[in-house]
N, C-alpha and C. Protein backbone atom coordinates (compact mmCIF):
# COMPACT_ATOMS: atom_id res chain seq x y z
N UNK A 1 143.89 50.23 142.20
CA UNK A 1 144.71 51.23 141.81
C UNK A 1 144.50 52.65 142.41
N UNK A 2 143.47 52.95 142.83
CA UNK A 2 143.31 54.25 143.44
C UNK A 2 143.76 54.43 144.93
N UNK A 3 144.79 53.92 145.31
CA UNK A 3 145.45 53.89 146.57
C UNK A 3 146.33 55.31 146.53
N UNK A 4 145.81 56.39 146.97
CA UNK A 4 146.66 57.71 146.95
C UNK A 4 147.67 57.79 148.13
N UNK A 5 147.61 57.04 149.20
CA UNK A 5 148.38 57.23 150.23
C UNK A 5 149.79 57.50 150.10
N UNK A 6 150.58 56.76 149.10
CA UNK A 6 152.05 57.03 148.91
C UNK A 6 152.20 58.24 147.93
N UNK A 7 151.17 59.03 147.51
CA UNK A 7 151.03 60.01 146.66
C UNK A 7 151.14 61.56 147.59
N UNK A 8 152.12 62.44 146.89
CA UNK A 8 152.02 63.73 147.67
C UNK A 8 150.73 64.49 146.98
N UNK A 9 150.41 65.49 147.58
CA UNK A 9 149.28 66.20 147.27
C UNK A 9 149.62 66.92 145.90
N UNK A 10 150.84 67.30 145.89
CA UNK A 10 151.26 67.97 144.60
C UNK A 10 151.29 66.96 143.29
N UNK A 11 151.77 65.73 143.62
CA UNK A 11 151.55 64.78 142.66
C UNK A 11 150.31 64.40 142.21
N UNK A 12 149.51 64.17 143.22
CA UNK A 12 147.78 64.12 142.75
C UNK A 12 147.24 65.19 141.90
N UNK A 13 147.81 66.25 142.27
CA UNK A 13 147.01 67.56 141.62
C UNK A 13 147.65 67.74 140.08
N UNK A 14 148.73 66.93 140.03
CA UNK A 14 149.34 66.96 138.56
C UNK A 14 148.74 65.93 137.60
N UNK A 15 148.20 64.82 138.34
CA UNK A 15 147.55 63.79 137.51
C UNK A 15 146.79 64.21 136.35
N UNK A 16 145.61 65.06 136.69
CA UNK A 16 144.77 65.46 135.48
C UNK A 16 145.26 66.16 134.40
N UNK A 17 146.35 67.04 134.91
CA UNK A 17 147.06 67.44 133.71
C UNK A 17 147.95 66.43 132.80
N UNK A 18 148.53 65.45 133.63
CA UNK A 18 149.13 64.39 132.65
C UNK A 18 148.05 63.75 131.85
N UNK A 19 147.01 63.61 132.51
CA UNK A 19 145.81 62.65 131.65
C UNK A 19 145.30 63.42 130.44
N UNK A 20 145.35 64.76 130.56
CA UNK A 20 144.82 65.53 129.32
C UNK A 20 145.75 65.61 128.45
N UNK A 21 147.14 65.77 128.90
CA UNK A 21 148.14 65.88 127.82
C UNK A 21 148.35 64.68 127.10
N UNK A 22 148.20 63.38 127.80
CA UNK A 22 148.48 62.09 126.98
C UNK A 22 147.18 62.03 126.24
N UNK A 23 145.86 62.16 126.63
CA UNK A 23 144.76 62.26 125.73
C UNK A 23 144.97 63.02 124.26
N UNK A 24 145.61 64.35 124.55
CA UNK A 24 145.76 65.25 123.38
C UNK A 24 146.94 64.55 122.44
N UNK A 25 147.73 63.69 122.93
CA UNK A 25 148.75 62.99 122.34
C UNK A 25 148.19 61.82 121.42
N UNK A 26 147.23 61.21 122.25
CA UNK A 26 146.52 60.14 121.74
C UNK A 26 145.70 60.71 120.50
N UNK A 27 145.16 61.75 120.71
CA UNK A 27 144.17 62.29 119.33
C UNK A 27 145.08 62.79 118.30
N UNK A 28 146.39 62.96 118.33
CA UNK A 28 147.35 63.21 117.51
C UNK A 28 148.10 61.81 117.03
N UNK A 29 147.61 60.87 117.54
CA UNK A 29 148.09 59.43 116.97
C UNK A 29 149.73 59.31 117.32
N UNK A 30 150.08 60.07 118.55
CA UNK A 30 151.53 59.93 118.95
C UNK A 30 151.59 58.65 119.74
N UNK A 31 152.72 57.76 119.37
CA UNK A 31 152.60 56.41 120.07
C UNK A 31 153.42 56.46 121.37
N UNK A 32 154.53 57.51 121.36
CA UNK A 32 155.20 57.48 122.76
C UNK A 32 155.81 58.84 122.92
N UNK A 33 156.12 59.33 123.97
CA UNK A 33 156.70 60.47 124.41
C UNK A 33 157.59 60.28 125.50
N UNK A 34 158.69 61.20 125.47
CA UNK A 34 159.60 60.89 126.50
C UNK A 34 159.39 62.07 127.46
N UNK A 35 160.15 62.23 128.53
CA UNK A 35 159.73 63.11 129.74
C UNK A 35 160.18 64.46 129.46
N UNK A 36 161.09 64.88 128.62
CA UNK A 36 161.50 65.96 128.05
C UNK A 36 160.47 66.60 127.22
N UNK A 37 159.95 65.70 126.31
CA UNK A 37 158.68 66.27 125.49
C UNK A 37 157.46 66.62 126.35
N UNK A 38 157.35 65.62 127.24
CA UNK A 38 156.29 65.89 127.99
C UNK A 38 156.18 67.08 128.87
N UNK A 39 157.54 67.29 129.32
CA UNK A 39 157.73 68.57 130.23
C UNK A 39 157.59 69.72 129.48
N UNK A 40 157.60 69.72 128.13
CA UNK A 40 157.50 71.01 127.39
C UNK A 40 156.07 71.23 126.99
N UNK A 41 155.29 70.24 126.96
CA UNK A 41 154.00 70.26 126.85
C UNK A 41 153.16 70.72 127.97
N UNK A 42 153.74 70.19 129.17
CA UNK A 42 152.90 70.52 130.54
C UNK A 42 153.58 71.64 131.25
N UNK A 43 154.73 71.92 130.94
CA UNK A 43 155.48 73.22 131.78
C UNK A 43 155.84 72.48 133.21
N UNK A 44 155.80 71.22 133.12
CA UNK A 44 156.37 70.54 134.24
C UNK A 44 157.78 70.06 134.17
N UNK A 45 158.73 70.26 135.13
CA UNK A 45 160.08 69.79 134.75
C UNK A 45 160.11 68.40 134.64
N UNK A 46 161.07 67.65 133.66
CA UNK A 46 161.03 66.50 132.94
C UNK A 46 161.38 65.53 134.43
N UNK A 47 162.06 65.93 135.31
CA UNK A 47 162.79 65.35 136.50
C UNK A 47 161.48 65.13 137.56
N UNK A 48 160.63 66.09 137.60
CA UNK A 48 159.43 65.95 138.31
C UNK A 48 158.41 64.96 137.74
N UNK A 49 158.35 64.78 136.47
CA UNK A 49 157.51 64.07 135.81
C UNK A 49 157.96 62.39 136.02
N UNK A 50 159.28 62.47 135.71
CA UNK A 50 159.80 60.94 136.01
C UNK A 50 159.75 60.49 137.46
N UNK A 51 159.71 61.30 138.34
CA UNK A 51 159.77 61.26 139.94
C UNK A 51 158.16 60.79 140.08
N UNK A 52 157.14 61.47 139.58
CA UNK A 52 155.79 61.42 139.84
C UNK A 52 155.49 60.02 139.16
N UNK A 53 155.98 59.65 138.04
CA UNK A 53 155.56 58.14 137.51
C UNK A 53 156.27 57.20 138.05
N UNK A 54 157.44 57.39 138.66
CA UNK A 54 158.08 56.39 139.41
C UNK A 54 157.48 55.94 140.72
N UNK A 55 156.68 56.70 141.06
CA UNK A 55 155.83 56.32 142.46
C UNK A 55 154.91 55.12 142.00
N UNK A 56 154.61 55.09 140.65
CA UNK A 56 153.60 54.05 140.30
C UNK A 56 154.33 52.65 139.83
N UNK A 57 155.56 52.76 139.74
CA UNK A 57 156.26 51.57 139.18
C UNK A 57 156.86 51.86 137.88
N UNK A 58 157.10 51.00 136.98
CA UNK A 58 157.75 51.12 136.03
C UNK A 58 156.67 51.50 134.81
N UNK A 59 156.39 52.66 134.47
CA UNK A 59 155.58 53.04 133.46
C UNK A 59 156.26 53.48 132.15
N UNK A 60 157.61 53.84 132.27
CA UNK A 60 158.16 54.24 130.86
C UNK A 60 159.55 53.37 130.97
N UNK A 61 160.12 53.61 129.80
CA UNK A 61 161.44 52.81 129.52
C UNK A 61 162.52 53.87 129.21
N UNK A 62 163.72 53.84 129.87
CA UNK A 62 164.70 54.86 129.67
C UNK A 62 165.03 54.80 128.12
N UNK A 63 165.10 55.80 127.36
CA UNK A 63 165.40 55.87 125.79
C UNK A 63 164.26 55.55 125.00
N UNK A 64 163.17 55.27 125.71
CA UNK A 64 161.92 54.99 124.86
C UNK A 64 160.84 56.07 125.25
N UNK A 65 160.60 56.28 126.42
CA UNK A 65 159.65 57.16 126.81
C UNK A 65 158.39 56.32 127.35
N UNK A 66 157.12 57.00 127.32
CA UNK A 66 155.95 56.41 127.69
C UNK A 66 155.06 55.95 126.55
N UNK A 67 154.61 54.91 126.69
CA UNK A 67 153.57 54.62 125.40
C UNK A 67 152.33 55.39 125.93
N UNK A 68 151.87 56.39 124.98
CA UNK A 68 150.56 57.02 125.07
C UNK A 68 149.34 56.21 125.32
N UNK A 69 149.09 55.24 124.67
CA UNK A 69 148.04 54.65 124.93
C UNK A 69 147.70 53.96 126.19
N UNK A 70 149.01 53.37 126.55
CA UNK A 70 149.05 52.75 127.98
C UNK A 70 149.04 53.90 129.21
N UNK A 71 149.50 54.98 128.97
CA UNK A 71 149.40 55.86 130.00
C UNK A 71 148.05 56.58 130.13
N UNK A 72 147.43 56.62 128.96
CA UNK A 72 145.90 57.09 128.96
C UNK A 72 145.23 56.21 129.90
N UNK A 73 145.34 54.88 129.53
CA UNK A 73 144.54 53.70 130.28
C UNK A 73 145.15 53.79 131.70
N UNK A 74 146.18 54.02 132.03
CA UNK A 74 146.61 53.77 133.33
C UNK A 74 145.92 55.13 134.08
N UNK A 75 146.17 56.39 133.58
CA UNK A 75 145.74 57.41 134.36
C UNK A 75 144.17 57.51 134.37
N UNK A 76 143.68 56.88 133.54
CA UNK A 76 142.15 56.85 133.62
C UNK A 76 141.68 56.32 134.99
N UNK A 77 142.31 55.59 135.41
CA UNK A 77 142.13 54.81 136.86
C UNK A 77 142.29 55.72 137.90
N UNK A 78 143.00 56.81 137.71
CA UNK A 78 143.20 57.70 138.86
C UNK A 78 142.30 59.03 138.75
């Protein structure tokens, strides 16, 4: 999973911030979060978040958001 070749330096730089935010949400027992909510927490535009995560395939679902535990496990590999 650690194939960074298709990722921009900017995306790679944001991954630790995403991971920390999802870990915080996990501690708060949040089950899912959408890109708008995640954007407010990270100060990263929701469109950027959706673009970054789209580079990894389908991680979230429209109208549902991202499963926090799944995202923590996924991002831990990066």
